[in-house]
Amino acid sequence: MGSRLLLLLVLLAGCARTTLKETVVGATRGDEMAFWDAIAKQRAVSNHDALYALQVTFEAQPAKPAYPERVATARKRGWIGASQELPERETARAGWIAKVVCIETGIKGGATMRVFGPSER
């Protein structure tokens, strides 16, 4: 029984999202060129960094300066649901970023995406 419980705990811990110590946005302090240079060297991207990059790419106006404002803008644009949590320093999910790109570029996708709309899967 004890070994099964240990195995379960190890498996559950392996499924947790990684939390980064610092965001690239925070480290570059709004310098857009420094941000793009630094983000290209990262092995993982935080939700904050992903939101900043997506907003800089798809909005005509500069990205909102504070993370809560970025999240509010993302909710308004349909990038994240009203009750969906997006912790600032947690690593961003590739499926979520792909969903946003599909929404913003108007990619219609195949049969499944046409029926159910853009999703993270």
C-alpha atoms as a PDB file:
ATOM      1  CA  MET A   1       0.000   0.000   0.000  1.00  0.00           C
ATOM      2  CA  GLY A   2       2.786   2.434   0.899  1.00  0.00           C
ATOM      3  CA  SER A   3       4.620   1.950  -2.410  1.00  0.00           C
ATOM      4  CA  ARG A   4       1.392   2.545  -4.366  1.00  0.00           C
ATOM      5  CA  LEU A   5       0.774   5.772  -2.496  1.00  0.00           C
ATOM      6  CA  LEU A   6       4.348   6.911  -3.155  1.00  0.00           C
ATOM      7  CA  LEU A   7       3.989   6.094  -6.862  1.00  0.00           C
ATOM      8  CA  LEU A   8       0.733   8.061  -7.029  1.00  0.00           C
ATOM      9  CA  LEU A   9       2.341  11.085  -5.360  1.00  0.00           C
ATOM     10  CA  VAL A  10       5.298  10.964  -7.760  1.00  0.00           C
ATOM     11  CA  LEU A  11       2.976  10.779 -10.780  1.00  0.00           C
ATOM     12  CA  LEU A  12       0.820  13.653  -9.548  1.00  0.00           C
ATOM     13  CA  ALA A  13       3.852  15.820  -8.835  1.00  0.00           C
ATOM     14  CA  GLY A  14       5.104  15.182 -12.370  1.00  0.00           C
ATOM     15  CA  CYS A  15       1.859  16.586 -13.800  1.00  0.00           C
ATOM     16  CA  ALA A  16       2.193  19.971 -12.091  1.00  0.00           C
ATOM     17  CA  ARG A  17       3.024  23.043 -14.162  1.00  0.00           C
ATOM     18  CA  THR A  18       6.421  24.607 -13.645  1.00  0.00           C
ATOM     19  CA  THR A  19       6.586  28.014 -11.982  1.00  0.00           C
ATOM     20  CA  LEU A  20       9.402  30.260 -13.172  1.00  0.00           C
ATOM     21  CA  LYS A  21      11.374  32.456 -10.778  1.00  0.00           C
ATOM     22  CA  GLU A  22      11.092  35.557 -12.964  1.00  0.00           C
ATOM     23  CA  THR A  23       9.332  36.623 -16.130  1.00  0.00           C
ATOM     24  CA  VAL A  24      11.206  37.988 -19.122  1.00  0.00           C
ATOM     25  CA  VAL A  25       8.802  40.952 -19.151  1.00  0.00           C
ATOM     26  CA  GLY A  26       9.852  41.781 -15.600  1.00  0.00           C
ATOM     27  CA  ALA A  27      13.539  41.380 -16.364  1.00  0.00           C
ATOM     28  CA  THR A  28      13.460  43.573 -19.496  1.00  0.00           C
ATOM     29  CA  ARG A  29      11.187  46.234 -17.942  1.00  0.00           C
ATOM     30  CA  GLY A  30       9.173  47.077 -21.051  1.00  0.00           C
ATOM     31  CA  ASP A  31      12.087  47.254 -23.499  1.00  0.00           C
ATOM     32  CA  GLU A  32      10.463  45.442 -26.430  1.00  0.00           C
ATOM     33  CA  MET A  33      13.682  44.673 -28.329  1.00  0.00           C
ATOM     34  CA  ALA A  34      15.340  43.319 -25.194  1.00  0.00           C
ATOM     35  CA  PHE A  35      12.213  41.225 -24.541  1.00  0.00           C
ATOM     36  CA  TRP A  36      12.283  39.549 -27.975  1.00  0.00           C
ATOM     37  CA  ASP A  37      16.023  38.935 -27.674  1.00  0.00           C
ATOM     38  CA  ALA A  38      15.685  37.394 -24.208  1.00  0.00           C
ATOM     39  CA  ILE A  39      12.560  35.342 -24.963  1.00  0.00           C
ATOM     40  CA  ALA A  40      14.297  33.658 -27.899  1.00  0.00           C
ATOM     41  CA  LYS A  41      16.859  32.243 -25.460  1.00  0.00           C
ATOM     42  CA  GLN A  42      14.332  30.869 -22.950  1.00  0.00           C
ATOM     43  CA  ARG A  43      13.567  27.156 -22.586  1.00  0.00           C
ATOM     44  CA  ALA A  44      10.124  27.932 -21.126  1.00  0.00           C
ATOM     45  CA  VAL A  45       7.794  30.907 -21.360  1.00  0.00           C
ATOM     46  CA  SER A  46       5.623  32.198 -18.516  1.00  0.00           C
ATOM     47  CA  ASN A  47       1.958  33.109 -18.941  1.00  0.00           C
ATOM     48  CA  HIS A  48       2.937  36.754 -18.416  1.00  0.00           C
ATOM     49  CA  ASP A  49       5.546  36.593 -21.178  1.00  0.00           C
ATOM     50  CA  ALA A  50       3.120  34.811 -23.527  1.00  0.00           C
ATOM     51  CA  LEU A  51       0.371  37.379 -22.908  1.00  0.00           C
ATOM     52  CA  TYR A  52       2.794  40.241 -23.505  1.00  0.00           C
ATOM     53  CA  ALA A  53       4.069  38.698 -26.754  1.00  0.00           C
ATOM     54  CA  LEU A  54       0.553  37.942 -28.015  1.00  0.00           C
ATOM     55  CA  GLN A  55      -0.725  41.412 -27.178  1.00  0.00           C
ATOM     56  CA  VAL A  56       2.249  43.141 -28.794  1.00  0.00           C
ATOM     57  CA  THR A  57       1.748  40.993 -31.889  1.00  0.00           C
ATOM     58  CA  PHE A  58      -2.038  41.209 -32.291  1.00  0.00           C
ATOM     59  CA  GLU A  59      -3.026  44.606 -30.889  1.00  0.00           C
ATOM     60  CA  ALA A  60      -2.571  47.950 -32.586  1.00  0.00           C
ATOM     61  CA  GLN A  61      -1.869  49.598 -29.229  1.00  0.00           C
ATOM     62  CA  PRO A  62       0.985  48.811 -26.848  1.00  0.00           C
ATOM     63  CA  ALA A  63       0.443  45.965 -24.392  1.00  0.00           C
ATOM     64  CA  LYS A  64      -1.034  46.906 -21.015  1.00  0.00           C
ATOM     65  CA  PRO A  65       1.741  47.418 -18.463  1.00  0.00           C
ATOM     66  CA  ALA A  66       0.479  45.341 -15.536  1.00  0.00           C
ATOM     67  CA  TYR A  67      -0.336  41.622 -15.558  1.00  0.00           C
ATOM     68  CA  PRO A  68      -3.916  41.987 -14.218  1.00  0.00           C
ATOM     69  CA  GLU A  69      -4.665  44.433 -17.048  1.00  0.00           C
ATOM     70  CA  ARG A  70      -3.199  41.994 -19.571  1.00  0.00           C
ATOM     71  CA  VAL A  71      -5.415  39.210 -18.216  1.00  0.00           C
ATOM     72  CA  ALA A  72      -8.483  41.477 -18.390  1.00  0.00           C
ATOM     73  CA  THR A  73      -7.697  42.310 -22.019  1.00  0.00           C
ATOM     74  CA  ALA A  74      -7.194  38.606 -22.811  1.00  0.00           C
ATOM     75  CA  ARG A  75     -10.588  37.778 -21.264  1.00  0.00           C
ATOM     76  CA  LYS A  76     -12.250  40.549 -23.291  1.00  0.00           C
ATOM     77  CA  ARG A  77     -10.720  39.201 -26.519  1.00  0.00           C
ATOM     78  CA  GLY A  78     -11.819  35.626 -25.759  1.00  0.00           C
ATOM     79  CA  TRP A  79      -8.308  34.283 -25.263  1.00  0.00           C
ATOM     80  CA  ILE A  80      -9.137  32.931 -21.800  1.00  0.00           C
ATOM     81  CA  GLY A  81     -12.428  32.094 -20.115  1.00  0.00           C
ATOM     82  CA  ALA A  82     -14.041  34.216 -17.413  1.00  0.00           C
ATOM     83  CA  SER A  83     -13.223  31.698 -14.684  1.00  0.00           C
ATOM     84  CA  GLN A  84      -9.948  30.382 -16.108  1.00  0.00           C
ATOM     85  CA  GLU A  85      -6.911  31.023 -13.931  1.00  0.00           C
ATOM     86  CA  LEU A  86      -3.662  32.006 -15.580  1.00  0.00           C
ATOM     87  CA  PRO A  87      -0.945  32.292 -12.903  1.00  0.00           C
ATOM     88  CA  GLU A  88       1.620  34.897 -13.909  1.00  0.00           C
ATOM     89  CA  ARG A  89       4.849  32.898 -13.515  1.00  0.00           C
ATOM     90  CA  GLU A  90       3.460  29.482 -14.447  1.00  0.00           C
ATOM     91  CA  THR A  91       4.711  28.102 -17.762  1.00  0.00           C
ATOM     92  CA  ALA A  92       2.371  28.814 -20.654  1.00  0.00           C
ATOM     93  CA  ARG A  93       0.675  25.914 -22.421  1.00  0.00           C
ATOM     94  CA  ALA A  94       1.512  25.584 -26.117  1.00  0.00           C
ATOM     95  CA  GLY A  95      -2.105  24.633 -26.871  1.00  0.00           C
ATOM     96  CA  TRP A  96      -3.385  27.855 -25.315  1.00  0.00           C
ATOM     97  CA  ILE A  97      -0.951  29.947 -27.386  1.00  0.00           C
ATOM     98  CA  ALA A  98      -1.988  28.053 -30.544  1.00  0.00           C
ATOM     99  CA  LYS A  99      -5.663  28.686 -29.719  1.00  0.00           C
ATOM    100  CA  VAL A 100      -5.016  32.435 -29.450  1.00  0.00           C
ATOM    101  CA  VAL A 101      -3.132  32.457 -32.747  1.00  0.00           C
ATOM    102  CA  CYS A 102      -6.064  30.646 -34.433  1.00  0.00           C
ATOM    103  CA  ILE A 103      -8.538  33.150 -32.975  1.00  0.00           C
ATOM    104  CA  GLU A 104      -6.518  36.191 -34.016  1.00  0.00           C
ATOM    105  CA  THR A 105      -5.519  35.015 -37.487  1.00  0.00           C
ATOM    106  CA  GLY A 106      -8.916  33.546 -38.341  1.00  0.00           C
ATOM    107  CA  ILE A 107      -7.638  30.020 -38.952  1.00  0.00           C
ATOM    108  CA  LYS A 108     -10.717  27.843 -39.451  1.00  0.00           C
ATOM    109  CA  GLY A 109      -8.983  24.461 -39.141  1.00  0.00           C
ATOM    110  CA  GLY A 110     -10.471  21.098 -39.998  1.00  0.00           C
ATOM    111  CA  ALA A 111     -13.837  19.535 -39.245  1.00  0.00           C
ATOM    112  CA  THR A 112     -13.370  19.308 -35.473  1.00  0.00           C
ATOM    113  CA  MET A 113     -12.274  22.916 -35.134  1.00  0.00           C
ATOM    114  CA  ARG A 114     -15.109  24.084 -37.366  1.00  0.00           C
ATOM    115  CA  VAL A 115     -17.640  22.267 -35.184  1.00  0.00           C
ATOM    116  CA  PHE A 116     -16.207  23.028 -31.719  1.00  0.00           C
ATOM    117  CA  GLY A 117     -14.191  26.186 -32.400  1.00  0.00           C
ATOM    118  CA  PRO A 118     -10.594  26.848 -31.370  1.00  0.00           C
ATOM    119  CA  SER A 119      -9.475  24.872 -28.344  1.00  0.00           C
ATOM    120  CA  GLU A 120      -6.249  24.024 -26.580  1.00  0.00           C
ATOM    121  CA  ARG A 121      -6.354  20.458 -27.847  1.00  0.00           C
END
